[in-house]
Amino acid sequence: MSQLSHQIQLLRRPTGLPTPADFALREVPLPEPQEGEVLVANQWLSVDPYMRGRMSEAKSYVPPFPLNGPLDGGAIGTVLASRHPGFKVGDRVSSMLGWRDSFVARGEQLTLLPATPLPSQLFLGALGMPGMTAWAGLHKVAKLQAGETLLVSAASGAVGTMAVQLAKRAGARVIGSTGSADKVAYLKTLGVDAVINYRETPDLDAELARLAPEGIHVYFENVGGAMLEAALNQMTVHGRIVLCGLIEQYNSNGGASGPRNLAQMIRKRILMQGLLVSDHWQHYGDFLAEAIPAFEAGALQAEETVSEGLASMPQAFIGLFEGRNTGKMLVKLD
């Protein structure tokens, strides 16, 4: 007899900022696992800003989410039944089959979690895609060097908190930008050298000039808009910009304007490169080899903002664009 899975499905393509009415919680039957398949119950689900792009039909590097079907996203779960030799009942696994409480999948869709006493949900955040994104952006794209000055926008988010910590470990001077006093205080506990509360800074250009009098060597860009424009003015000659995200534009319906000072890239010979973590996933083992021991030793920290229950998933996702998370935004299932 098959069991039931509860799923968050996309009902319609959002216009602007998504609303809970764009989603529906539905119950669907699950088949029995066949040869080579595994039944998994999820315990932790991830919401990430990139998912907003997949809710649109605009052409991108990944296909859009289908309407009236479950969305995809990072998940951590436990094997309940297995007909695959590589997985046994009780194994903890990661997958991209989130936005649901259970599923049946082929073994190649699952990854066994490494043996570590660290909390399993770290593999959705600091030890998962966001952490790997920060590591790849700093070391594979920007090639950050000790002594350089790094600016990180959205520095209190899942990627940003790892970027600032990894950069400090690499010997950089780090400036973070965030949007509230409590997030400023949190970033200071991570060892960030200077923090900008952009909501209370009327002249970002002047503040960056004050905080980085010798210029910014690397900008880890997660936001866009006014901060990108100010950063371009303060970049050093041959500075590097890692273009990881533009969250300010994700709900703009094409109305956002670009920076007015792109000529700075010519004058200063600035390199700007887009970052997709999937291009660097072959180095994930190298990242874990550095990050897992650092977390186990307490040298790296991870903050989480947790919502409870599958039904809270849409609101948790929307909260990413309202600044309601510090660190990784997660949904915990019963």
Foldseek 3Di string as FASTA:
>chain_A
DWDKKWFKFAAAQDAFQDDLVRIDIDIDTADDADAQKFKWFWFKWAFDLVLLVLSDCDDDPDHHGDGPDHDWAKTWTFTCDDNRPVDDGGFIWIARRDRMGMHMDGPVRIDTDDDDPDDPCCCRFCLHDLVLLLVCLCCVPQVDAAAAEEEEEVLQERNNVNNQLVNVVRRYQYEYEDADPVSQVVSVVSVHNYYHNVVPDPDLLVVVCVVCVVFHQEYEDAAFDPNVLSNLVRHAQQHEYECEHHLPCSRVNPPDDHHPPCVSCVVRVYHYDYDDSVVVVVCSVVSCVPPRVCVVVVSGDADEDEAEASSCVVVLNSVVSVRPIGHTYMYGYD
